[in-house]
Amino acid sequence: MHRIYQLCTLIFLCIFIPGCIWVPVRPANDSDNCVVNFFHTKREITEVYNEASLTNGTIIFISFSTAYIHPIFLLPILSTPYLQYKYKEKSDKILSEWKTNDCGIKETLPEPGQKEAVNNE
């Protein structure tokens, strides 16, 4: 019974992995450019979300379908976190370009491995 619970939990988590891609609900501000390009950006991010869902779902389905032959066929499931990271990175890039180019919102993120600069004024 415990094994079935673990398997159901794994399936549940793998199905909902694409949930970390955020699709904007409304424009970041009311500028004309931002509002005009909002739906195009939303469509692009939704396409990335759908692609991530399809890819992960296919990998999970094929892995579980062939697992009755040998448990080694469950190994492709280990690639889903990496694929999800790549899709999340892709959607974040689209979103940040839209905010920067169309909405005029500058996102300043520290470089990896560097501490954030502190203003002592």
Protein backbone atom coordinates (compact mmCIF):
# COMPACT_ATOMS: atom_id res chain seq x y z
CA MET A 1 0.00 0.00 0.00
CA HIS A 2 2.85 2.37 0.83
CA ARG A 3 4.41 1.73 -2.59
CA ILE A 4 1.17 2.64 -4.35
CA TYR A 5 1.00 5.88 -2.34
CA GLN A 6 4.56 6.77 -3.39
CA LEU A 7 3.79 6.03 -7.04
CA CYS A 8 0.62 8.14 -6.98
CA THR A 9 2.49 11.02 -5.35
CA LEU A 10 5.22 10.83 -7.99
CA ILE A 11 2.69 10.86 -10.81
CA PHE A 12 0.85 13.80 -9.25
CA LEU A 13 4.05 15.83 -8.85
CA CYS A 14 5.26 15.09 -12.36
CA ILE A 15 1.96 16.14 -13.90
CA PHE A 16 1.94 19.48 -12.10
CA ILE A 17 5.62 20.35 -12.65
CA PRO A 18 4.84 22.82 -15.48
CA GLY A 19 2.92 24.93 -12.96
CA CYS A 20 6.01 27.03 -12.27
CA ILE A 21 5.70 28.91 -15.57
CA TRP A 22 3.90 32.16 -14.82
CA VAL A 23 1.54 33.56 -17.45
CA PRO A 24 0.74 37.27 -16.94
CA VAL A 25 -2.90 38.10 -16.31
CA ARG A 26 -2.79 41.85 -17.03
CA PRO A 27 -0.28 44.37 -18.40
CA ALA A 28 2.53 45.54 -16.12
CA ASN A 29 1.49 49.19 -16.57
CA ASP A 30 -0.93 51.26 -18.66
CA SER A 31 1.50 52.54 -21.30
CA ASP A 32 0.33 52.10 -24.90
CA ASN A 33 3.21 49.86 -25.96
CA CYS A 34 2.82 47.66 -22.91
CA VAL A 35 -0.90 47.10 -23.46
CA VAL A 36 -0.54 46.60 -27.23
CA ASN A 37 2.07 43.86 -26.89
CA PHE A 38 0.52 42.23 -23.80
CA PHE A 39 -1.57 39.66 -25.68
CA HIS A 40 1.30 38.71 -27.96
CA THR A 41 3.55 38.13 -24.94
CA LYS A 42 0.82 36.21 -23.14
CA ARG A 43 0.37 33.98 -26.19
CA GLU A 44 4.12 33.30 -26.42
CA ILE A 45 4.34 32.34 -22.74
CA THR A 46 1.24 30.16 -23.04
CA GLU A 47 2.89 28.36 -25.97
CA VAL A 48 5.97 27.70 -23.82
CA TYR A 49 3.71 26.42 -21.03
CA ASN A 50 1.87 24.08 -23.42
CA GLU A 51 5.14 22.82 -24.88
CA ALA A 52 6.49 22.11 -21.37
CA SER A 53 3.30 20.26 -20.43
CA LEU A 54 3.35 18.16 -23.58
CA THR A 55 7.04 17.29 -23.29
CA ASN A 56 6.86 16.34 -19.62
CA GLY A 57 3.61 14.45 -20.10
CA THR A 58 5.04 12.47 -23.01
CA ILE A 59 8.20 11.56 -21.10
CA ILE A 60 6.19 10.48 -18.06
CA PHE A 61 3.67 8.49 -20.12
CA ILE A 62 6.32 6.63 -22.09
CA SER A 63 8.36 5.94 -18.96
CA PHE A 64 5.43 4.50 -17.04
CA SER A 65 4.16 2.61 -20.10
CA THR A 66 7.46 0.78 -20.53
CA ALA A 67 8.30 0.40 -16.84
CA TYR A 68 6.55 -2.98 -16.68
CA ILE A 69 9.34 -4.36 -18.91
CA HIS A 70 12.13 -3.15 -16.64
CA PRO A 71 12.41 -0.39 -14.03
CA ILE A 72 15.34 1.13 -15.94
CA PHE A 73 12.77 2.74 -18.24
CA LEU A 74 11.80 5.08 -15.40
CA LEU A 75 15.14 6.91 -15.76
CA PRO A 76 13.90 9.43 -18.38
CA ILE A 77 11.66 10.90 -15.67
CA LEU A 78 14.83 12.26 -14.08
CA SER A 79 15.16 14.68 -17.01
CA THR A 80 11.87 16.46 -16.27
CA PRO A 81 13.29 18.93 -13.69
CA TYR A 82 16.02 19.99 -16.14
CA LEU A 83 13.52 20.41 -18.97
CA GLN A 84 11.21 22.37 -16.69
CA TYR A 85 14.09 24.65 -15.72
CA LYS A 86 14.83 25.31 -19.41
CA TYR A 87 11.19 26.13 -20.15
CA LYS A 88 10.98 28.39 -17.09
CA GLU A 89 14.13 30.19 -18.23
CA LYS A 90 12.64 30.63 -21.71
CA SER A 91 9.37 32.08 -20.39
CA ASP A 92 11.21 34.38 -17.97
CA LYS A 93 13.31 35.71 -20.85
CA ILE A 94 10.18 36.49 -22.90
CA LEU A 95 8.56 38.17 -19.91
CA SER A 96 11.59 40.27 -18.99
CA GLU A 97 12.08 41.41 -22.60
CA TRP A 98 8.45 42.51 -22.74
CA LYS A 99 8.71 44.39 -19.44
CA THR A 100 11.99 46.05 -20.43
CA ASN A 101 11.32 46.88 -24.09
CA ASP A 102 7.58 47.55 -24.13
CA CYS A 103 6.65 48.53 -20.58
CA GLY A 104 9.81 50.43 -19.61
CA ILE A 105 10.32 48.50 -16.38
CA LYS A 106 13.98 47.90 -15.69
CA GLU A 107 14.62 44.69 -13.81
CA THR A 108 18.00 44.80 -12.10
CA LEU A 109 19.10 41.40 -10.97
CA PRO A 110 22.54 40.75 -9.47
CA GLU A 111 24.96 38.64 -11.46
CA PRO A 112 25.19 35.00 -10.33
CA GLY A 113 27.74 34.66 -7.55
CA GLN A 114 27.78 38.38 -6.72
CA LYS A 115 26.24 40.08 -3.73
CA GLU A 116 23.63 42.75 -4.26
CA ALA A 117 25.02 46.28 -3.95
CA VAL A 118 23.85 48.13 -0.85
CA ASN A 119 23.29 51.88 -0.89
CA ASN A 120 24.50 53.55 2.32
CA GLU A 121 23.02 57.00 1.90
